[in-house]
């Protein structure tokens, strides 16, 4: 997909970096950000898309299975990626790992 800015067509690409915990995703992503330029990249982390658990008691929040796919708002992430690719801005959720909200 692309969008137009003035007379120039701007193409937006998505680079996905995946892997298990401790596999180097952040290191690879940081290298891409440094190489391409942080001002030219919208950087999203799947960790920002954990479901809000503020409706649960704190002990129940802490015991949730955060490795299960249902713990994440993946549909919202997919929508945000689509919006970004189309040249639209998104508001990335801010997840608090201390309170699980």
PDB file of N, CA and C in Angstrom:
ATOM      1  N   UNK A   1       0.838  -1.176   0.000  1.00  0.00           N
ATOM      2  CA  UNK A   1       0.000   0.000   0.000  1.00  0.00           C
ATOM      3  C   UNK A   1       0.879   1.233   0.000  1.00  0.00           C
ATOM      4  N   UNK A   2       0.292   2.311  -0.424  1.00  0.00           N
ATOM      5  CA  UNK A   2       1.022   3.563  -0.423  1.00  0.00           C
ATOM      6  C   UNK A   2       0.046   4.712  -0.226  1.00  0.00           C
ATOM      7  N   UNK A   3       0.571   5.841   0.091  1.00  0.00           N
ATOM      8  CA  UNK A   3      -0.233   7.050   0.194  1.00  0.00           C
ATOM      9  C   UNK A   3       0.516   8.145  -0.544  1.00  0.00           C
ATOM     10  N   UNK A   4      -0.180   9.216  -0.864  1.00  0.00           N
ATOM     11  CA  UNK A   4       0.464  10.290  -1.604  1.00  0.00           C
ATOM     12  C   UNK A   4       0.707  11.486  -0.714  1.00  0.00           C
ATOM     13  N   UNK A   5       1.871  12.072  -0.861  1.00  0.00           N
ATOM     14  CA  UNK A   5       2.232  13.318  -0.181  1.00  0.00           C
ATOM     15  C   UNK A   5       2.652  14.286  -1.260  1.00  0.00           C
ATOM     16  N   UNK A   6       1.830  15.263  -1.519  1.00  0.00           N
ATOM     17  CA  UNK A   6       2.144  16.173  -2.610  1.00  0.00           C
ATOM     18  C   UNK A   6       2.109  15.399  -3.909  1.00  0.00           C
ATOM     19  N   UNK A   7       3.214  15.422  -4.622  1.00  0.00           N
ATOM     20  CA  UNK A   7       3.302  14.690  -5.879  1.00  0.00           C
ATOM     21  C   UNK A   7       4.108  13.409  -5.744  1.00  0.00           C
ATOM     22  N   UNK A   8       4.565  13.116  -4.547  1.00  0.00           N
ATOM     23  CA  UNK A   8       5.384  11.934  -4.324  1.00  0.00           C
ATOM     24  C   UNK A   8       4.557  10.837  -3.672  1.00  0.00           C
ATOM     25  N   UNK A   9       4.706   9.649  -4.177  1.00  0.00           N
ATOM     26  CA  UNK A   9       4.032   8.506  -3.568  1.00  0.00           C
ATOM     27  C   UNK A   9       4.929   7.953  -2.463  1.00  0.00           C
ATOM     28  N   UNK A  10       4.363   7.806  -1.275  1.00  0.00           N
ATOM     29  CA  UNK A  10       5.112   7.297  -0.133  1.00  0.00           C
ATOM     30  C   UNK A  10       4.673   5.865   0.122  1.00  0.00           C
ATOM     31  N   UNK A  11       5.623   4.954   0.100  1.00  0.00           N
ATOM     32  CA  UNK A  11       5.304   3.554   0.375  1.00  0.00           C
ATOM     33  C   UNK A  11       5.648   3.244   1.821  1.00  0.00           C
ATOM     34  N   UNK A  12       4.731   2.575   2.477  1.00  0.00           N
ATOM     35  CA  UNK A  12       4.933   2.182   3.867  1.00  0.00           C
ATOM     36  C   UNK A  12       5.151   0.676   3.900  1.00  0.00           C
ATOM     37  N   UNK A  13       6.168   0.238   4.617  1.00  0.00           N
ATOM     38  CA  UNK A  13       6.428  -1.190   4.739  1.00  0.00           C
ATOM     39  C   UNK A  13       6.370  -1.591   6.206  1.00  0.00           C
ATOM     40  N   UNK A  14       6.103  -2.861   6.421  1.00  0.00           N
ATOM     41  CA  UNK A  14       6.076  -3.418   7.772  1.00  0.00           C
ATOM     42  C   UNK A  14       7.206  -4.426   7.880  1.00  0.00           C
ATOM     43  N   UNK A  15       8.010  -4.290   8.918  1.00  0.00           N
ATOM     44  CA  UNK A  15       9.058  -5.261   9.217  1.00  0.00           C
ATOM     45  C   UNK A  15       8.679  -5.910  10.535  1.00  0.00           C
ATOM     46  N   UNK A  16       8.454  -7.192  10.516  1.00  0.00           N
ATOM     47  CA  UNK A  16       8.118  -7.917  11.739  1.00  0.00           C
ATOM     48  C   UNK A  16       9.338  -8.634  12.283  1.00  0.00           C
ATOM     49  N   UNK A  17       9.567  -8.497  13.562  1.00  0.00           N
ATOM     50  CA  UNK A  17      10.668  -9.190  14.227  1.00  0.00           C
ATOM     51  C   UNK A  17      10.034 -10.078  15.285  1.00  0.00           C
ATOM     52  N   UNK A  18      10.194 -11.383  15.129  1.00  0.00           N
ATOM     53  CA  UNK A  18       9.531 -12.333  16.027  1.00  0.00           C
ATOM     54  C   UNK A  18      10.545 -13.288  16.636  1.00  0.00           C
ATOM     55  N   UNK A  19      10.150 -13.883  17.750  1.00  0.00           N
ATOM     56  CA  UNK A  19      11.000 -14.864  18.407  1.00  0.00           C
ATOM     57  C   UNK A  19      10.614 -15.013  19.857  1.00  0.00           C
ATOM     58  N   UNK A  20      11.159 -16.000  20.473  1.00  0.00           N
ATOM     59  CA  UNK A  20      10.871 -16.285  21.872  1.00  0.00           C
ATOM     60  C   UNK A  20      11.502 -15.270  22.806  1.00  0.00           C
ATOM     61  N   UNK A  21      11.164 -15.395  24.066  1.00  0.00           N
ATOM     62  CA  UNK A  21      11.710 -14.513  25.091  1.00  0.00           C
ATOM     63  C   UNK A  21      13.234 -14.634  25.124  1.00  0.00           C
ATOM     64  N   UNK A  22      13.918 -13.503  25.108  1.00  0.00           N
ATOM     65  CA  UNK A  22      15.377 -13.508  25.170  1.00  0.00           C
ATOM     66  C   UNK A  22      16.059 -13.879  23.867  1.00  0.00           C
ATOM     67  N   UNK A  23      15.323 -13.881  22.747  1.00  0.00           N
ATOM     68  CA  UNK A  23      15.904 -14.317  21.476  1.00  0.00           C
ATOM     69  C   UNK A  23      16.612 -13.207  20.709  1.00  0.00           C
ATOM     70  N   UNK A  24      16.512 -11.969  21.189  1.00  0.00           N
ATOM     71  CA  UNK A  24      17.210 -10.873  20.525  1.00  0.00           C
ATOM     72  C   UNK A  24      16.323  -9.948  19.711  1.00  0.00           C
ATOM     73  N   UNK A  25      15.014 -10.042  19.894  1.00  0.00           N
ATOM     74  CA  UNK A  25      14.092  -9.190  19.134  1.00  0.00           C
ATOM     75  C   UNK A  25      14.381  -7.707  19.353  1.00  0.00           C
ATOM     76  N   UNK A  26      14.564  -7.321  20.593  1.00  0.00           N
ATOM     77  CA  UNK A  26      14.819  -5.910  20.899  1.00  0.00           C
ATOM     78  C   UNK A  26      16.150  -5.468  20.311  1.00  0.00           C
ATOM     79  N   UNK A  27      17.161  -6.310  20.385  1.00  0.00           N
ATOM     80  CA  UNK A  27      18.479  -5.977  19.833  1.00  0.00           C
ATOM     81  C   UNK A  27      18.390  -5.754  18.328  1.00  0.00           C
ATOM     82  N   UNK A  28      17.708  -6.655  17.625  1.00  0.00           N
ATOM     83  CA  UNK A  28      17.542  -6.519  16.173  1.00  0.00           C
ATOM     84  C   UNK A  28      16.738  -5.261  15.856  1.00  0.00           C
ATOM     85  N   UNK A  29      15.651  -5.049  16.604  1.00  0.00           N
ATOM     86  CA  UNK A  29      14.807  -3.874  16.371  1.00  0.00           C
ATOM     87  C   UNK A  29      15.576  -2.579  16.595  1.00  0.00           C
ATOM     88  N   UNK A  30      16.362  -2.529  17.655  1.00  0.00           N
ATOM     89  CA  UNK A  30      17.169  -1.338  17.944  1.00  0.00           C
ATOM     90  C   UNK A  30      18.174  -1.085  16.818  1.00  0.00           C
ATOM     91  N   UNK A  31      18.758  -2.149  16.278  1.00  0.00           N
ATOM     92  CA  UNK A  31      19.710  -1.992  15.173  1.00  0.00           C
ATOM     93  C   UNK A  31      19.011  -1.421  13.936  1.00  0.00           C
ATOM     94  N   UNK A  32      17.800  -1.887  13.660  1.00  0.00           N
ATOM     95  CA  UNK A  32      17.026  -1.361  12.523  1.00  0.00           C
ATOM     96  C   UNK A  32      16.693   0.110  12.757  1.00  0.00           C
ATOM     97  N   UNK A  33      16.238   0.437  13.965  1.00  0.00           N
ATOM     98  CA  UNK A  33      15.905   1.826  14.300  1.00  0.00           C
ATOM     99  C   UNK A  33      17.117   2.735  14.112  1.00  0.00           C
ATOM    100  N   UNK A  34      18.282   2.287  14.578  1.00  0.00           N
ATOM    101  CA  UNK A  34      19.501   3.084  14.461  1.00  0.00           C
ATOM    102  C   UNK A  34      19.935   3.233  13.006  1.00  0.00           C
ATOM    103  N   UNK A  35      19.800   2.174  12.241  1.00  0.00           N
ATOM    104  CA  UNK A  35      20.261   2.185  10.843  1.00  0.00           C
ATOM    105  C   UNK A  35      19.352   3.034   9.950  1.00  0.00           C
ATOM    106  N   UNK A  36      18.046   2.851  10.093  1.00  0.00           N
ATOM    107  CA  UNK A  36      17.090   3.544   9.227  1.00  0.00           C
ATOM    108  C   UNK A  36      16.820   4.963   9.718  1.00  0.00           C
ATOM    109  N   UNK A  37      16.823   5.127  11.019  1.00  0.00           N
ATOM    110  CA  UNK A  37      16.523   6.433  11.617  1.00  0.00           C
ATOM    111  C   UNK A  37      15.233   6.364  12.410  1.00  0.00           C
ATOM    112  N   UNK A  38      15.332   6.649  13.685  1.00  0.00           N
ATOM    113  CA  UNK A  38      14.173   6.541  14.580  1.00  0.00           C
ATOM    114  C   UNK A  38      13.039   7.470  14.167  1.00  0.00           C
ATOM    115  N   UNK A  39      13.366   8.566  13.515  1.00  0.00           N
ATOM    116  CA  UNK A  39      12.340   9.511  13.088  1.00  0.00           C
ATOM    117  C   UNK A  39      11.582   9.025  11.851  1.00  0.00           C
ATOM    118  N   UNK A  40      12.021   7.933  11.252  1.00  0.00           N
ATOM    119  CA  UNK A  40      11.384   7.408  10.043  1.00  0.00           C
ATOM    120  C   UNK A  40      10.602   6.132  10.295  1.00  0.00           C
ATOM    121  N   UNK A  41      10.555   5.695  11.552  1.00  0.00           N
ATOM    122  CA  UNK A  41       9.944   4.400  11.874  1.00  0.00           C
ATOM    123  C   UNK A  41       8.904   4.554  12.970  1.00  0.00           C
ATOM    124  N   UNK A  42       7.783   3.880  12.786  1.00  0.00           N
ATOM    125  CA  UNK A  42       6.807   3.715  13.873  1.00  0.00           C
ATOM    126  C   UNK A  42       7.114   2.355  14.484  1.00  0.00           C
ATOM    127  N   UNK A  43       7.553   2.347  15.715  1.00  0.00           N
ATOM    128  CA  UNK A  43       8.018   1.121  16.378  1.00  0.00           C
ATOM    129  C   UNK A  43       6.958   0.645  17.358  1.00  0.00           C
ATOM    130  N   UNK A  44       6.376  -0.510  17.084  1.00  0.00           N
ATOM    131  CA  UNK A  44       5.356  -1.099  17.954  1.00  0.00           C
ATOM    132  C   UNK A  44       5.891  -2.386  18.550  1.00  0.00           C
ATOM    133  N   UNK A  45       5.636  -2.571  19.840  1.00  0.00           N
ATOM    134  CA  UNK A  45       5.993  -3.820  20.508  1.00  0.00           C
ATOM    135  C   UNK A  45       4.707  -4.537  20.899  1.00  0.00           C
ATOM    136  N   UNK A  46       4.665  -5.830  20.642  1.00  0.00           N
ATOM    137  CA  UNK A  46       3.474  -6.608  20.994  1.00  0.00           C
ATOM    138  C   UNK A  46       3.187  -6.506  22.490  1.00  0.00           C
ATOM    139  N   UNK A  47       4.218  -6.332  23.299  1.00  0.00           N
ATOM    140  CA  UNK A  47       4.044  -6.193  24.751  1.00  0.00           C
ATOM    141  C   UNK A  47       3.142  -5.016  25.125  1.00  0.00           C
ATOM    142  N   UNK A  48       3.050  -4.018  24.275  1.00  0.00           N
ATOM    143  CA  UNK A  48       2.179  -2.874  24.560  1.00  0.00           C
ATOM    144  C   UNK A  48       0.706  -3.239  24.447  1.00  0.00           C
ATOM    145  N   UNK A  49       0.424  -4.386  23.867  1.00  0.00           N
ATOM    146  CA  UNK A  49      -0.950  -4.776  23.563  1.00  0.00           C
ATOM    147  C   UNK A  49      -1.496  -5.863  24.487  1.00  0.00           C
ATOM    148  N   UNK A  50      -0.914  -6.010  25.683  1.00  0.00           N
ATOM    149  CA  UNK A  50      -1.517  -6.912  26.666  1.00  0.00           C
ATOM    150  C   UNK A  50      -2.874  -6.354  27.071  1.00  0.00           C
ATOM    151  N   UNK A  51      -3.818  -7.233  27.302  1.00  0.00           N
ATOM    152  CA  UNK A  51      -5.162  -6.805  27.705  1.00  0.00           C
ATOM    153  C   UNK A  51      -5.119  -6.173  29.085  1.00  0.00           C
ATOM    154  N   UNK A  52      -5.898  -5.118  29.250  1.00  0.00           N
ATOM    155  CA  UNK A  52      -6.026  -4.440  30.541  1.00  0.00           C
ATOM    156  C   UNK A  52      -6.715  -5.380  31.521  1.00  0.00           C
ATOM    157  N   UNK A  53      -6.115  -5.562  32.666  1.00  0.00           N
ATOM    158  CA  UNK A  53      -6.673  -6.459  33.684  1.00  0.00           C
ATOM    159  C   UNK A  53      -7.074  -5.697  34.944  1.00  0.00           C
ATOM    160  N   UNK A  54      -7.348  -4.403  34.796  1.00  0.00           N
ATOM    161  CA  UNK A  54      -7.674  -3.583  35.963  1.00  0.00           C
ATOM    162  C   UNK A  54      -8.970  -4.010  36.639  1.00  0.00           C
ATOM    163  N   UNK A  55      -9.814  -4.754  35.938  1.00  0.00           N
ATOM    164  CA  UNK A  55     -11.077  -5.220  36.521  1.00  0.00           C
ATOM    165  C   UNK A  55     -10.876  -6.423  37.448  1.00  0.00           C
ATOM    166  N   UNK A  56      -9.669  -6.994  37.453  1.00  0.00           N
ATOM    167  CA  UNK A  56      -9.372  -8.162  38.289  1.00  0.00           C
ATOM    168  C   UNK A  56      -8.642  -7.737  39.558  1.00  0.00           C
ATOM    169  N   UNK A  57      -8.800  -8.517  40.639  1.00  0.00           N
ATOM    170  CA  UNK A  57      -8.012  -8.241  41.848  1.00  0.00           C
ATOM    171  C   UNK A  57      -6.513  -8.396  41.538  1.00  0.00           C
ATOM    172  N   UNK A  58      -5.645  -7.645  42.218  1.00  0.00           N
ATOM    173  CA  UNK A  58      -4.203  -7.679  41.932  1.00  0.00           C
ATOM    174  C   UNK A  58      -3.597  -9.081  41.921  1.00  0.00           C
ATOM    175  N   UNK A  59      -3.990  -9.947  42.868  1.00  0.00           N
ATOM    176  CA  UNK A  59      -3.393 -11.292  42.898  1.00  0.00           C
ATOM    177  C   UNK A  59      -3.813 -12.116  41.682  1.00  0.00           C
ATOM    178  N   UNK A  60      -5.014 -11.886  41.188  1.00  0.00           N
ATOM    179  CA  UNK A  60      -5.477 -12.606  39.994  1.00  0.00           C
ATOM    180  C   UNK A  60      -4.760 -12.083  38.745  1.00  0.00           C
ATOM    181  N   UNK A  61      -4.498 -10.795  38.716  1.00  0.00           N
ATOM    182  CA  UNK A  61      -3.754 -10.205  37.594  1.00  0.00           C
ATOM    183  C   UNK A  61      -2.364 -10.820  37.500  1.00  0.00           C
ATOM    184  N   UNK A  62      -1.703 -10.922  38.633  1.00  0.00           N
ATOM    185  CA  UNK A  62      -0.325 -11.426  38.669  1.00  0.00           C
ATOM    186  C   UNK A  62      -0.238 -12.891  38.265  1.00  0.00           C
ATOM    187  N   UNK A  63      -1.310 -13.649  38.460  1.00  0.00           N
ATOM    188  CA  UNK A  63      -1.299 -15.079  38.153  1.00  0.00           C
ATOM    189  C   UNK A  63      -1.794 -15.407  36.749  1.00  0.00           C
ATOM    190  N   UNK A  64      -2.101 -14.407  35.957  1.00  0.00           N
ATOM    191  CA  UNK A  64      -2.589 -14.647  34.595  1.00  0.00           C
ATOM    192  C   UNK A  64      -1.483 -15.269  33.743  1.00  0.00           C
ATOM    193  N   UNK A  65      -1.878 -16.041  32.742  1.00  0.00           N
ATOM    194  CA  UNK A  65      -0.928 -16.652  31.816  1.00  0.00           C
ATOM    195  C   UNK A  65      -0.621 -15.647  30.702  1.00  0.00           C
ATOM    196  N   UNK A  66       0.450 -14.906  30.852  1.00  0.00           N
ATOM    197  CA  UNK A  66       0.797 -13.873  29.889  1.00  0.00           C
ATOM    198  C   UNK A  66       1.427 -14.448  28.620  1.00  0.00           C
ATOM    199  N   UNK A  67       1.699 -15.749  28.602  1.00  0.00           N
ATOM    200  CA  UNK A  67       2.228 -16.390  27.401  1.00  0.00           C
ATOM    201  C   UNK A  67       1.117 -16.865  26.472  1.00  0.00           C
ATOM    202  N   UNK A  68      -0.123 -16.886  26.949  1.00  0.00           N
ATOM    203  CA  UNK A  68      -1.246 -17.346  26.133  1.00  0.00           C
ATOM    204  C   UNK A  68      -1.645 -16.248  25.147  1.00  0.00           C
ATOM    205  N   UNK A  69      -1.914 -16.613  23.898  1.00  0.00           N
ATOM    206  CA  UNK A  69      -2.307 -15.605  22.899  1.00  0.00           C
ATOM    207  C   UNK A  69      -3.512 -14.757  23.310  1.00  0.00           C
ATOM    208  N   UNK A  70      -4.415 -15.318  24.104  1.00  0.00           N
ATOM    209  CA  UNK A  70      -5.596 -14.565  24.536  1.00  0.00           C
ATOM    210  C   UNK A  70      -5.255 -13.437  25.507  1.00  0.00           C
ATOM    211  N   UNK A  71      -4.032 -13.400  26.014  1.00  0.00           N
ATOM    212  CA  UNK A  71      -3.620 -12.339  26.932  1.00  0.00           C
ATOM    213  C   UNK A  71      -3.353 -11.025  26.195  1.00  0.00           C
ATOM    214  N   UNK A  72      -3.288 -11.100  24.873  1.00  0.00           N
ATOM    215  CA  UNK A  72      -2.924  -9.942  24.060  1.00  0.00           C
ATOM    216  C   UNK A  72      -4.080  -9.455  23.193  1.00  0.00           C
ATOM    217  N   UNK A  73      -4.086  -8.168  22.921  1.00  0.00           N
ATOM    218  CA  UNK A  73      -5.051  -7.545  22.011  1.00  0.00           C
ATOM    219  C   UNK A  73      -4.456  -7.567  20.600  1.00  0.00           C
ATOM    220  N   UNK A  74      -4.274  -8.758  20.052  1.00  0.00           N
ATOM    221  CA  UNK A  74      -3.628  -8.892  18.745  1.00  0.00           C
ATOM    222  C   UNK A  74      -4.448  -8.275  17.621  1.00  0.00           C
ATOM    223  N   UNK A  75      -5.776  -8.294  17.762  1.00  0.00           N
ATOM    224  CA  UNK A  75      -6.631  -7.690  16.738  1.00  0.00           C
ATOM    225  C   UNK A  75      -6.388  -6.179  16.662  1.00  0.00           C
ATOM    226  N   UNK A  76      -6.211  -5.552  17.827  1.00  0.00           N
ATOM    227  CA  UNK A  76      -5.931  -4.115  17.860  1.00  0.00           C
ATOM    228  C   UNK A  76      -4.564  -3.827  17.246  1.00  0.00           C
ATOM    229  N   UNK A  77      -3.588  -4.670  17.532  1.00  0.00           N
ATOM    230  CA  UNK A  77      -2.265  -4.509  16.932  1.00  0.00           C
ATOM    231  C   UNK A  77      -2.364  -4.614  15.411  1.00  0.00           C
ATOM    232  N   UNK A  78      -3.101  -5.602  14.913  1.00  0.00           N
ATOM    233  CA  UNK A  78      -3.267  -5.772  13.464  1.00  0.00           C
ATOM    234  C   UNK A  78      -3.937  -4.542  12.846  1.00  0.00           C
ATOM    235  N   UNK A  79      -4.942  -4.005  13.527  1.00  0.00           N
ATOM    236  CA  UNK A  79      -5.616  -2.796  13.048  1.00  0.00           C
ATOM    237  C   UNK A  79      -4.642  -1.618  13.013  1.00  0.00           C
ATOM    238  N   UNK A  80      -3.836  -1.486  14.054  1.00  0.00           N
ATOM    239  CA  UNK A  80      -2.862  -0.401  14.103  1.00  0.00           C
ATOM    240  C   UNK A  80      -1.823  -0.542  12.990  1.00  0.00           C
ATOM    241  N   UNK A  81      -1.382  -1.756  12.723  1.00  0.00           N
ATOM    242  CA  UNK A  81      -0.421  -1.967  11.633  1.00  0.00           C
ATOM    243  C   UNK A  81      -1.033  -1.575  10.294  1.00  0.00           C
ATOM    244  N   UNK A  82      -2.284  -1.952  10.085  1.00  0.00           N
ATOM    245  CA  UNK A  82      -2.985  -1.601   8.851  1.00  0.00           C
ATOM    246  C   UNK A  82      -3.126  -0.084   8.719  1.00  0.00           C
ATOM    247  N   UNK A  83      -3.507   0.566   9.818  1.00  0.00           N
ATOM    248  CA  UNK A  83      -3.638   2.026   9.801  1.00  0.00           C
ATOM    249  C   UNK A  83      -2.304   2.694   9.480  1.00  0.00           C
ATOM    250  N   UNK A  84      -1.240   2.248  10.126  1.00  0.00           N
ATOM    251  CA  UNK A  84       0.080   2.826   9.879  1.00  0.00           C
ATOM    252  C   UNK A  84       0.508   2.622   8.434  1.00  0.00           C
ATOM    253  N   UNK A  85       0.256   1.447   7.915  1.00  0.00           N
ATOM    254  CA  UNK A  85       0.630   1.153   6.534  1.00  0.00           C
ATOM    255  C   UNK A  85      -0.126   2.051   5.561  1.00  0.00           C
ATOM    256  N   UNK A  86      -1.319   2.467   5.958  1.00  0.00           N
ATOM    257  CA  UNK A  86      -2.128   3.366   5.133  1.00  0.00           C
ATOM    258  C   UNK A  86      -1.800   4.836   5.380  1.00  0.00           C
ATOM    259  N   UNK A  87      -0.830   5.098   6.260  1.00  0.00           N
ATOM    260  CA  UNK A  87      -0.415   6.463   6.516  1.00  0.00           C
ATOM    261  C   UNK A  87      -1.178   7.163   7.621  1.00  0.00           C
ATOM    262  N   UNK A  88      -1.983   6.419   8.372  1.00  0.00           N
ATOM    263  CA  UNK A  88      -2.758   7.006   9.468  1.00  0.00           C
ATOM    264  C   UNK A  88      -2.023   6.827  10.796  1.00  0.00           C
ATOM    265  N   UNK A  89      -2.173   7.796  11.672  1.00  0.00           N
ATOM    266  CA  UNK A  89      -1.564   7.737  13.005  1.00  0.00           C
ATOM    267  C   UNK A  89      -2.382   6.820  13.912  1.00  0.00           C
ATOM    268  N   UNK A  90      -1.728   6.236  14.898  1.00  0.00           N
ATOM    269  CA  UNK A  90      -2.406   5.374  15.878  1.00  0.00           C
ATOM    270  C   UNK A  90      -1.969   5.775  17.280  1.00  0.00           C
ATOM    271  N   UNK A  91      -2.792   5.416  18.254  1.00  0.00           N
ATOM    272  CA  UNK A  91      -2.441   5.600  19.662  1.00  0.00           C
ATOM    273  C   UNK A  91      -2.120   4.240  20.249  1.00  0.00           C
ATOM    274  N   UNK A  92      -0.856   3.998  20.504  1.00  0.00           N
ATOM    275  CA  UNK A  92      -0.408   2.710  21.040  1.00  0.00           C
ATOM    276  C   UNK A  92      -0.745   2.655  22.527  1.00  0.00           C
ATOM    277  N   UNK A  93      -1.349   1.552  22.975  1.00  0.00           N
ATOM    278  CA  UNK A  93      -1.652   1.430  24.405  1.00  0.00           C
ATOM    279  C   UNK A  93      -0.370   1.444  25.241  1.00  0.00           C
ATOM    280  N   UNK A  94      -0.500   1.899  26.461  1.00  0.00           N
ATOM    281  CA  UNK A  94       0.623   1.872  27.403  1.00  0.00           C
ATOM    282  C   UNK A  94       0.269   0.845  28.466  1.00  0.00           C
ATOM    283  N   UNK A  95       1.027  -0.240  28.499  1.00  0.00           N
ATOM    284  CA  UNK A  95       0.758  -1.318  29.446  1.00  0.00           C
ATOM    285  C   UNK A  95       1.716  -1.200  30.618  1.00  0.00           C
ATOM    286  N   UNK A  96       1.185  -1.291  31.823  1.00  0.00           N
ATOM    287  CA  UNK A  96       1.989  -1.206  33.043  1.00  0.00           C
ATOM    288  C   UNK A  96       2.257  -2.623  33.549  1.00  0.00           C
ATOM    289  N   UNK A  97       3.490  -3.081  33.426  1.00  0.00           N
ATOM    290  CA  UNK A  97       3.837  -4.450  33.823  1.00  0.00           C
ATOM    291  C   UNK A  97       3.836  -4.634  35.338  1.00  0.00           C
ATOM    292  N   UNK A  98       3.887  -3.543  36.078  1.00  0.00           N
ATOM    293  CA  UNK A  98       3.863  -3.632  37.538  1.00  0.00           C
ATOM    294  C   UNK A  98       2.467  -3.951  38.055  1.00  0.00           C
ATOM    295  N   UNK A  99       1.469  -3.269  37.493  1.00  0.00           N
ATOM    296  CA  UNK A  99       0.087  -3.454  37.961  1.00  0.00           C
ATOM    297  C   UNK A  99      -0.738  -4.339  37.036  1.00  0.00           C
ATOM    298  N   UNK A 100      -0.161  -4.712  35.877  1.00  0.00           N
ATOM    299  CA  UNK A 100      -0.860  -5.527  34.870  1.00  0.00           C
ATOM    300  C   UNK A 100      -2.133  -4.841  34.393  1.00  0.00           C
ATOM    301  N   UNK A 101      -1.997  -3.545  34.136  1.00  0.00           N
ATOM    302  CA  UNK A 101      -3.132  -2.775  33.606  1.00  0.00           C
ATOM    303  C   UNK A 101      -2.683  -1.913  32.441  1.00  0.00           C
TER     304      UNK A 101
END
